[in-house]
Structures are given as C-alpha cells and as structure tokens.
Amino acid sequence: MSDQVTDVSESKHHPQNVMFSKRVWIVPMWMKTIMVMIFFGLIFGLTAFSVDKRLTMAQLAMDNVLEPEWVSPGQATTLPFEAYQHTANGILRQAGQQTFSDFKGQWVLLNLWATWCEPCRDEMPALEMLQRRFKDRLTVLTLSVDDEFEAVGHFFKDEDGVLTQPPTFRLGHDRDKKVAADFGSRKFPETFLIDPSGQVVTQFIGPKDWYSAGSVNYFENVLTGQRAPQPTTR
C-alpha cells in the first residue's frame, strides 16, 4: 500500500478550486444597435397609438350627432302654456301664459320633461350649458309636465331651498299635458327643434347629451345654415 496522504485542501470540491473567468463580457455593437432600435420603436409605436386613439375618440364624438328624427315640417301648436321666470332674490314666479308664436324669429329647442323622470333630470345640466354656449342664437325652453310646478322649483333649489344658480334657459309648465299631446308626446324626455318661422323641423326621442362635441357641432351647423336640421334620409 502506498503511504501517500491526500490533502483535503486540494480536493476538487474545495471553493478555492472552483473555476471562473475574469474576462469581462462586452456587448457587441450590433446588439446595442438592435436594442436601441427596439426601444425607440416601442416609444414611437406607443405615441402613435395614443395620438391615433385620441383622434379616433374625437371623431366618434363629432360623429355622435343627436340622431334627429325625420318629421313632416308643420307649425308648432298654438296652445298656450304657463311661463315662469326667476326673480333677483332667487324665487320662481309665474310670468303669465305664452304660445310658440311669441318666439317667432328665434330658433327654439323645446324639451318636454318631468321631475319624476330620471333621464329628464340628467339632461338639465347639458341643456344649461347648451343655452350658455349659443345664448341669443338659440332659445332652450324646458316645458314640465309635472302635475304641479312646485316640483320644478324644488328641483332647481339647493339643500337650503334657495335658487342660488337659476337656469338661464326658459321654464314653462304644461299642467294638463295638452301641449305635449299636441306634439304627439307620450313618453319623456322628448325634444323638438322649432325654426324661426315657427315650424317644427325635427325631433329627438329620448335623453341626449346636449353638450357633447357632436351636439354642439350639430347646432352650430344648423344655426349657420351649413346643414339641414333633419337627417338626409328618412
């Protein structure tokens, strides 16, 4: 037998004998170039997608016109309704009776609504913004079919019962719903556009976003004569 002694410190399992390389790995230039190109390609793609998405959304908003219904033009009803106006101290009071002939020479957007109708209530802020946008070019008239006008007054008041920010559009009351019936309305909200000659030229069935980009574009084009109020086809 050999008397040779094995030194465990020289064992292949000892950490000192673990093989490793001190050479620093350098990324080839071609690989760097590809990585940079991929990075800028992603940035450009995301930017282009964002811009394209914004343009698409804007176009959809512009295309979302009010979908007016075709109607056979006819004179607005001659039936009267009760007109209301707010005083300087924020009180709504009756201002006598009016008919649509009182609005001759004006474009009128007649909105038939009720306080018990949730979609009707939701339209009010947009109708207010529409009236502020077009001011004396368009008269927005909201005609309530509530049994009592007090419900309308409560709707526009704040928690303290004060009319702090009265609407700038016109307020009216169709107490017995005769005006609504003469327009053929049974469900609410329903809205009609009346031209300066007093002709009902189109109607809008159901709730609408009256201050969307498409809505504003529609009224701008109608009021300036760039388009007809009615759709091109029935």
C-alpha atoms as a PDB file:
ATOM      1  CA  MET A   1       0.000   0.000   0.000  1.00  0.00           C
ATOM      2  CA  SER A   2       1.063   3.467  -0.692  1.00  0.00           C
ATOM      3  CA  ASP A   3       1.728   5.802   2.185  1.00  0.00           C
ATOM      4  CA  GLN A   4       0.612   8.815   0.100  1.00  0.00           C
ATOM      5  CA  VAL A   5      -1.675  11.146   2.045  1.00  0.00           C
ATOM      6  CA  THR A   6      -4.427  13.033   0.261  1.00  0.00           C
ATOM      7  CA  ASP A   7      -4.678  16.707   1.192  1.00  0.00           C
ATOM      8  CA  VAL A   8      -8.348  17.601   1.558  1.00  0.00           C
ATOM      9  CA  SER A   9      -7.497  21.222   1.000  1.00  0.00           C
ATOM     10  CA  GLU A  10      -6.688  20.310  -2.622  1.00  0.00           C
ATOM     11  CA  SER A  11      -9.976  18.493  -3.154  1.00  0.00           C
ATOM     12  CA  LYS A  12     -11.871  19.380  -6.265  1.00  0.00           C
ATOM     13  CA  HIS A  13     -14.828  20.232  -4.012  1.00  0.00           C
ATOM     14  CA  HIS A  14     -12.959  22.987  -2.226  1.00  0.00           C
ATOM     15  CA  PRO A  15     -14.080  26.527  -3.081  1.00  0.00           C
ATOM     16  CA  GLN A  16     -10.580  27.562  -3.925  1.00  0.00           C
ATOM     17  CA  ASN A  17     -10.646  25.213  -6.882  1.00  0.00           C
ATOM     18  CA  VAL A  18     -13.941  26.486  -8.374  1.00  0.00           C
ATOM     19  CA  MET A  19     -13.315  27.532 -11.970  1.00  0.00           C
ATOM     20  CA  PHE A  20     -14.293  31.073 -13.020  1.00  0.00           C
ATOM     21  CA  SER A  21     -13.313  33.589 -15.655  1.00  0.00           C
ATOM     22  CA  LYS A  22     -12.039  37.107 -15.005  1.00  0.00           C
ATOM     23  CA  ARG A  23     -12.828  38.181 -18.555  1.00  0.00           C
ATOM     24  CA  VAL A  24     -15.371  40.989 -18.816  1.00  0.00           C
ATOM     25  CA  TRP A  25     -18.155  40.237 -21.339  1.00  0.00           C
ATOM     26  CA  ILE A  26     -18.653  43.132 -23.755  1.00  0.00           C
ATOM     27  CA  VAL A  27     -21.997  43.616 -25.549  1.00  0.00           C
ATOM     28  CA  PRO A  28     -21.345  43.680 -29.285  1.00  0.00           C
ATOM     29  CA  MET A  29     -22.137  46.941 -31.060  1.00  0.00           C
ATOM     30  CA  TRP A  30     -24.654  45.266 -33.370  1.00  0.00           C
ATOM     31  CA  MET A  31     -26.629  44.060 -30.367  1.00  0.00           C
ATOM     32  CA  LYS A  32     -26.618  47.534 -28.815  1.00  0.00           C
ATOM     33  CA  THR A  33     -27.887  48.969 -32.079  1.00  0.00           C
ATOM     34  CA  ILE A  34     -30.761  46.467 -32.227  1.00  0.00           C
ATOM     35  CA  MET A  35     -31.710  47.173 -28.593  1.00  0.00           C
ATOM     36  CA  VAL A  36     -31.763  50.939 -29.200  1.00  0.00           C
ATOM     37  CA  MET A  37     -33.849  50.475 -32.343  1.00  0.00           C
ATOM     38  CA  ILE A  38     -36.346  48.298 -30.457  1.00  0.00           C
ATOM     39  CA  PHE A  39     -36.560  50.870 -27.637  1.00  0.00           C
ATOM     40  CA  PHE A  40     -37.266  53.809 -29.930  1.00  0.00           C
ATOM     41  CA  GLY A  41     -39.631  51.651 -31.978  1.00  0.00           C
ATOM     42  CA  LEU A  42     -41.699  50.939 -28.875  1.00  0.00           C
ATOM     43  CA  ILE A  43     -41.754  54.630 -27.907  1.00  0.00           C
ATOM     44  CA  PHE A  44     -42.836  55.642 -31.398  1.00  0.00           C
ATOM     45  CA  GLY A  45     -45.474  52.909 -31.522  1.00  0.00           C
ATOM     46  CA  LEU A  46     -46.978  53.878 -28.165  1.00  0.00           C
ATOM     47  CA  THR A  47     -47.001  57.557 -29.129  1.00  0.00           C
ATOM     48  CA  ALA A  48     -48.614  56.857 -32.481  1.00  0.00           C
ATOM     49  CA  PHE A  49     -51.217  54.630 -30.825  1.00  0.00           C
ATOM     50  CA  SER A  50     -52.029  57.320 -28.279  1.00  0.00           C
ATOM     51  CA  VAL A  51     -52.431  60.014 -30.927  1.00  0.00           C
ATOM     52  CA  ASP A  52     -54.483  57.713 -33.140  1.00  0.00           C
ATOM     53  CA  LYS A  53     -56.691  56.778 -30.203  1.00  0.00           C
ATOM     54  CA  ARG A  54     -57.306  60.434 -29.318  1.00  0.00           C
ATOM     55  CA  LEU A  55     -58.150  61.220 -32.944  1.00  0.00           C
ATOM     56  CA  THR A  56     -60.491  58.243 -33.098  1.00  0.00           C
ATOM     57  CA  MET A  57     -62.273  59.262 -29.897  1.00  0.00           C
ATOM     58  CA  ALA A  58     -62.568  62.832 -31.132  1.00  0.00           C
ATOM     59  CA  GLN A  59     -64.008  61.630 -34.414  1.00  0.00           C
ATOM     60  CA  LEU A  60     -66.501  59.403 -32.617  1.00  0.00           C
ATOM     61  CA  ALA A  61     -67.577  62.369 -30.518  1.00  0.00           C
ATOM     62  CA  MET A  62     -68.031  64.502 -33.619  1.00  0.00           C
ATOM     63  CA  ASP A  63     -69.916  61.719 -35.369  1.00  0.00           C
ATOM     64  CA  ASN A  64     -72.183  61.284 -32.352  1.00  0.00           C
ATOM     65  CA  VAL A  65     -74.652  63.887 -33.536  1.00  0.00           C
ATOM     66  CA  LEU A  66     -78.068  63.965 -31.966  1.00  0.00           C
ATOM     67  CA  GLU A  67     -79.639  61.455 -34.348  1.00  0.00           C
ATOM     68  CA  PRO A  68     -82.574  63.737 -35.169  1.00  0.00           C
ATOM     69  CA  GLU A  69     -85.775  62.099 -36.310  1.00  0.00           C
ATOM     70  CA  TRP A  70     -87.316  62.987 -39.644  1.00  0.00           C
ATOM     71  CA  VAL A  71     -90.646  64.759 -39.241  1.00  0.00           C
ATOM     72  CA  SER A  72     -93.006  66.319 -41.708  1.00  0.00           C
ATOM     73  CA  PRO A  73     -92.500  70.052 -41.034  1.00  0.00           C
ATOM     74  CA  GLY A  74     -95.550  71.669 -39.531  1.00  0.00           C
ATOM     75  CA  GLN A  75     -96.494  74.689 -37.493  1.00  0.00           C
ATOM     76  CA  ALA A  76     -95.949  74.408 -33.758  1.00  0.00           C
ATOM     77  CA  THR A  77     -99.047  74.140 -31.616  1.00  0.00           C
ATOM     78  CA  THR A  78    -100.939  77.322 -30.821  1.00  0.00           C
ATOM     79  CA  LEU A  79    -101.927  76.040 -27.385  1.00  0.00           C
ATOM     80  CA  PRO A  80    -100.695  78.224 -24.510  1.00  0.00           C
ATOM     81  CA  PHE A  81     -98.503  77.167 -21.602  1.00  0.00           C
ATOM     82  CA  GLU A  82     -97.596  78.774 -18.307  1.00  0.00           C
ATOM     83  CA  ALA A  83     -94.282  80.624 -18.384  1.00  0.00           C
ATOM     84  CA  TYR A  84     -92.101  81.025 -15.295  1.00  0.00           C
ATOM     85  CA  GLN A  85     -89.141  83.219 -14.526  1.00  0.00           C
ATOM     86  CA  HIS A  86     -86.858  83.668 -11.541  1.00  0.00           C
ATOM     87  CA  THR A  87     -86.613  86.903  -9.615  1.00  0.00           C
ATOM     88  CA  ALA A  88     -83.464  88.645  -8.379  1.00  0.00           C
ATOM     89  CA  ASN A  89     -83.800  87.012  -4.959  1.00  0.00           C
ATOM     90  CA  GLY A  90     -83.994  83.516  -6.467  1.00  0.00           C
ATOM     91  CA  ILE A  91     -87.730  82.913  -6.475  1.00  0.00           C
ATOM     92  CA  LEU A  92     -89.549  81.284  -9.373  1.00  0.00           C
ATOM     93  CA  ARG A  93     -92.797  83.024 -10.192  1.00  0.00           C
ATOM     94  CA  GLN A  94     -95.405  82.684 -12.889  1.00  0.00           C
ATOM     95  CA  ALA A  95     -94.968  85.137 -15.744  1.00  0.00           C
ATOM     96  CA  GLY A  96     -98.281  84.624 -17.488  1.00  0.00           C
ATOM     97  CA  GLN A  97     -99.158  82.473 -20.458  1.00  0.00           C
ATOM     98  CA  GLN A  98     -97.192  82.166 -23.659  1.00  0.00           C
ATOM     99  CA  THR A  99     -97.554  80.460 -27.016  1.00  0.00           C
ATOM    100  CA  PHE A 100     -94.913  79.451 -29.501  1.00  0.00           C
ATOM    101  CA  SER A 101     -95.857  82.393 -31.679  1.00  0.00           C
ATOM    102  CA  ASP A 102     -94.137  84.538 -29.027  1.00  0.00           C
ATOM    103  CA  PHE A 103     -90.842  83.038 -30.181  1.00  0.00           C
ATOM    104  CA  LYS A 104     -91.187  83.896 -33.862  1.00  0.00           C
ATOM    105  CA  GLY A 105     -87.822  84.872 -35.309  1.00  0.00           C
ATOM    106  CA  GLN A 106     -85.937  82.585 -32.906  1.00  0.00           C
ATOM    107  CA  TRP A 107     -84.655  79.059 -33.050  1.00  0.00           C
ATOM    108  CA  VAL A 108     -86.324  77.183 -30.162  1.00  0.00           C
ATOM    109  CA  LEU A 109     -85.273  73.872 -28.649  1.00  0.00           C
ATOM    110  CA  LEU A 110     -88.363  72.623 -26.800  1.00  0.00           C
ATOM    111  CA  ASN A 111     -87.652  69.977 -24.181  1.00  0.00           C
ATOM    112  CA  LEU A 112     -90.648  68.156 -22.680  1.00  0.00           C
ATOM    113  CA  TRP A 113     -89.721  66.703 -19.313  1.00  0.00           C
ATOM    114  CA  ALA A 114     -90.797  65.957 -15.738  1.00  0.00           C
ATOM    115  CA  THR A 115     -89.043  65.930 -12.376  1.00  0.00           C
ATOM    116  CA  TRP A 116     -90.142  62.325 -11.774  1.00  0.00           C
ATOM    117  CA  CYS A 117     -88.302  61.265 -14.946  1.00  0.00           C
ATOM    118  CA  GLU A 118     -84.660  60.478 -14.089  1.00  0.00           C
ATOM    119  CA  PRO A 119     -83.326  60.681 -17.678  1.00  0.00           C
ATOM    120  CA  CYS A 120     -85.073  64.062 -17.948  1.00  0.00           C
ATOM    121  CA  ARG A 121     -83.341  65.346 -14.835  1.00  0.00           C
ATOM    122  CA  ASP A 122     -79.990  64.129 -16.136  1.00  0.00           C
ATOM    123  CA  GLU A 123     -80.386  66.287 -19.253  1.00  0.00           C
ATOM    124  CA  MET A 124     -80.744  69.583 -17.387  1.00  0.00           C
ATOM    125  CA  PRO A 125     -77.029  70.419 -16.841  1.00  0.00           C
ATOM    126  CA  ALA A 126     -76.205  69.798 -20.514  1.00  0.00           C
ATOM    127  CA  LEU A 127     -79.210  71.870 -21.645  1.00  0.00           C
ATOM    128  CA  GLU A 128     -77.977  74.691 -19.420  1.00  0.00           C
ATOM    129  CA  MET A 129     -74.507  74.514 -20.979  1.00  0.00           C
ATOM    130  CA  LEU A 130     -76.047  74.465 -24.458  1.00  0.00           C
ATOM    131  CA  GLN A 131     -78.054  77.591 -23.682  1.00  0.00           C
ATOM    132  CA  ARG A 132     -74.971  79.378 -22.353  1.00  0.00           C
ATOM    133  CA  ARG A 133     -72.997  78.362 -25.430  1.00  0.00           C
ATOM    134  CA  PHE A 134     -75.460  79.702 -28.008  1.00  0.00           C
ATOM    135  CA  LYS A 135     -77.092  82.422 -25.870  1.00  0.00           C
ATOM    136  CA  ASP A 136     -79.439  84.526 -28.019  1.00  0.00           C
ATOM    137  CA  ARG A 137     -78.888  82.356 -31.111  1.00  0.00           C
ATOM    138  CA  LEU A 138     -80.936  79.519 -29.621  1.00  0.00           C
ATOM    139  CA  THR A 139     -83.731  79.604 -27.034  1.00  0.00           C
ATOM    140  CA  VAL A 140     -83.877  76.483 -24.885  1.00  0.00           C
ATOM    141  CA  LEU A 141     -87.364  76.044 -23.446  1.00  0.00           C
ATOM    142  CA  THR A 142     -87.956  73.272 -20.904  1.00  0.00           C
ATOM    143  CA  LEU A 143     -91.662  72.556 -20.538  1.00  0.00           C
ATOM    144  CA  SER A 144     -92.527  70.497 -17.477  1.00  0.00           C
ATOM    145  CA  VAL A 145     -95.467  68.095 -17.496  1.00  0.00           C
ATOM    146  CA  ASP A 146     -95.453  67.743 -13.699  1.00  0.00           C
ATOM    147  CA  ASP A 147     -98.852  67.970 -12.042  1.00  0.00           C
ATOM    148  CA  GLU A 148     -97.656  70.960 -10.011  1.00  0.00           C
ATOM    149  CA  PHE A 149     -94.856  73.392 -10.888  1.00  0.00           C
ATOM    150  CA  GLU A 150     -93.671  73.427  -7.257  1.00  0.00           C
ATOM    151  CA  ALA A 151     -91.829  70.187  -8.026  1.00  0.00           C
ATOM    152  CA  VAL A 152     -89.776  72.038 -10.652  1.00  0.00           C
ATOM    153  CA  GLY A 153     -88.973  74.798  -8.189  1.00  0.00           C
ATOM    154  CA  HIS A 154     -87.760  72.257  -5.635  1.00  0.00           C
ATOM    155  CA  PHE A 155     -85.640  70.525  -8.278  1.00  0.00           C
ATOM    156  CA  PHE A 156     -83.618  73.655  -9.062  1.00  0.00           C
ATOM    157  CA  LYS A 157     -83.191  74.744  -5.437  1.00  0.00           C
ATOM    158  CA  ASP A 158     -80.249  73.778  -3.264  1.00  0.00           C
ATOM    159  CA  GLU A 159     -80.360  71.963   0.079  1.00  0.00           C
ATOM    160  CA  ASP A 160     -81.399  75.178   1.836  1.00  0.00           C
ATOM    161  CA  GLY A 161     -84.323  75.675  -0.526  1.00  0.00           C
ATOM    162  CA  VAL A 162     -82.692  78.636  -2.283  1.00  0.00           C
ATOM    163  CA  LEU A 163     -82.444  79.087  -6.041  1.00  0.00           C
ATOM    164  CA  THR A 164     -78.784  80.088  -5.889  1.00  0.00           C
ATOM    165  CA  GLN A 165     -77.942  79.277  -9.519  1.00  0.00           C
ATOM    166  CA  PRO A 166     -81.111  79.605 -11.571  1.00  0.00           C
ATOM    167  CA  PRO A 167     -81.003  78.162 -15.081  1.00  0.00           C
ATOM    168  CA  THR A 168     -80.547  80.560 -17.964  1.00  0.00           C
ATOM    169  CA  PHE A 169     -82.927  78.592 -20.185  1.00  0.00           C
ATOM    170  CA  ARG A 170     -86.675  79.246 -20.235  1.00  0.00           C
ATOM    171  CA  LEU A 171     -89.007  77.419 -17.870  1.00  0.00           C
ATOM    172  CA  GLY A 172     -92.608  76.539 -18.625  1.00  0.00           C
ATOM    173  CA  HIS A 173     -95.392  74.340 -17.300  1.00  0.00           C
ATOM    174  CA  ASP A 174     -97.755  72.160 -19.325  1.00  0.00           C
ATOM    175  CA  ARG A 175    -100.074  71.437 -16.423  1.00  0.00           C
ATOM    176  CA  ASP A 176    -102.682  69.370 -18.255  1.00  0.00           C
ATOM    177  CA  LYS A 177    -100.212  67.938 -20.794  1.00  0.00           C
ATOM    178  CA  LYS A 178    -102.217  69.349 -23.711  1.00  0.00           C
ATOM    179  CA  VAL A 179     -99.164  70.882 -25.371  1.00  0.00           C
ATOM    180  CA  ALA A 180     -97.290  67.565 -25.084  1.00  0.00           C
ATOM    181  CA  ALA A 181    -100.288  65.741 -26.538  1.00  0.00           C
ATOM    182  CA  ASP A 182    -100.464  68.205 -29.433  1.00  0.00           C
ATOM    183  CA  PHE A 183     -96.811  67.410 -30.174  1.00  0.00           C
ATOM    184  CA  GLY A 184     -97.665  63.716 -30.042  1.00  0.00           C
ATOM    185  CA  SER A 185     -95.525  63.085 -26.967  1.00  0.00           C
ATOM    186  CA  ARG A 186     -96.445  60.333 -24.547  1.00  0.00           C
ATOM    187  CA  LYS A 187     -93.027  59.385 -23.199  1.00  0.00           C
ATOM    188  CA  PHE A 188     -90.392  61.712 -21.815  1.00  0.00           C
ATOM    189  CA  PRO A 189     -87.976  63.252 -22.402  1.00  0.00           C
ATOM    190  CA  GLU A 190     -88.788  64.305 -25.919  1.00  0.00           C
ATOM    191  CA  THR A 191     -87.351  67.340 -27.654  1.00  0.00           C
ATOM    192  CA  PHE A 192     -88.340  69.372 -30.708  1.00  0.00           C
ATOM    193  CA  LEU A 193     -86.456  71.934 -32.750  1.00  0.00           C
ATOM    194  CA  ILE A 194     -88.596  74.836 -33.980  1.00  0.00           C
ATOM    195  CA  ASP A 195     -87.237  77.177 -36.642  1.00  0.00           C
ATOM    196  CA  PRO A 196     -87.650  80.992 -36.663  1.00  0.00           C
ATOM    197  CA  SER A 197     -90.825  80.720 -38.757  1.00  0.00           C
ATOM    198  CA  GLY A 198     -92.474  78.582 -36.066  1.00  0.00           C
ATOM    199  CA  GLN A 199     -92.146  75.301 -37.963  1.00  0.00           C
ATOM    200  CA  VAL A 200     -91.288  72.108 -36.103  1.00  0.00           C
ATOM    201  CA  VAL A 201     -88.397  70.865 -38.221  1.00  0.00           C
ATOM    202  CA  THR A 202     -87.135  67.857 -36.294  1.00  0.00           C
ATOM    203  CA  GLN A 203     -87.455  65.963 -33.046  1.00  0.00           C
ATOM    204  CA  PHE A 204     -85.203  63.999 -30.718  1.00  0.00           C
ATOM    205  CA  ILE A 205     -86.607  60.966 -28.942  1.00  0.00           C
ATOM    206  CA  GLY A 206     -85.229  60.029 -25.544  1.00  0.00           C
ATOM    207  CA  PRO A 207     -82.407  61.537 -23.483  1.00  0.00           C
ATOM    208  CA  LYS A 208     -79.426  63.119 -25.248  1.00  0.00           C
ATOM    209  CA  ASP A 209     -76.053  64.520 -24.280  1.00  0.00           C
ATOM    210  CA  TRP A 210     -76.839  68.052 -25.396  1.00  0.00           C
ATOM    211  CA  TYR A 211     -73.358  69.404 -24.788  1.00  0.00           C
ATOM    212  CA  SER A 212     -71.242  66.719 -26.415  1.00  0.00           C
ATOM    213  CA  ALA A 213     -68.893  67.747 -29.217  1.00  0.00           C
ATOM    214  CA  GLY A 214     -71.272  66.214 -31.733  1.00  0.00           C
ATOM    215  CA  SER A 215     -74.269  68.098 -30.318  1.00  0.00           C
ATOM    216  CA  VAL A 216     -72.516  71.458 -30.340  1.00  0.00           C
ATOM    217  CA  ASN A 217     -71.309  70.793 -33.881  1.00  0.00           C
ATOM    218  CA  TYR A 218     -74.847  69.921 -34.974  1.00  0.00           C
ATOM    219  CA  PHE A 219     -76.404  73.126 -33.620  1.00  0.00           C
ATOM    220  CA  GLU A 220     -73.550  75.273 -34.919  1.00  0.00           C
ATOM    221  CA  ASN A 221     -74.087  73.917 -38.423  1.00  0.00           C
ATOM    222  CA  VAL A 222     -77.873  74.239 -38.260  1.00  0.00           C
ATOM    223  CA  LEU A 223     -77.850  77.790 -36.890  1.00  0.00           C
ATOM    224  CA  THR A 224     -75.344  78.930 -39.502  1.00  0.00           C
ATOM    225  CA  GLY A 225     -77.192  77.221 -42.357  1.00  0.00           C
ATOM    226  CA  GLN A 226     -74.415  74.733 -43.096  1.00  0.00           C
ATOM    227  CA  ARG A 227     -76.747  71.763 -42.750  1.00  0.00           C
ATOM    228  CA  ALA A 228     -80.445  70.951 -42.616  1.00  0.00           C
ATOM    229  CA  PRO A 229     -81.928  70.191 -39.181  1.00  0.00           C
ATOM    230  CA  GLN A 230     -83.350  66.886 -40.365  1.00  0.00           C
ATOM    231  CA  PRO A 231     -81.428  63.778 -41.353  1.00  0.00           C
ATOM    232  CA  THR A 232     -80.711  63.388 -45.050  1.00  0.00           C
ATOM    233  CA  THR A 233     -82.787  60.187 -45.255  1.00  0.00           C
ATOM    234  CA  ARG A 234     -85.995  59.087 -43.577  1.00  0.00           C
END
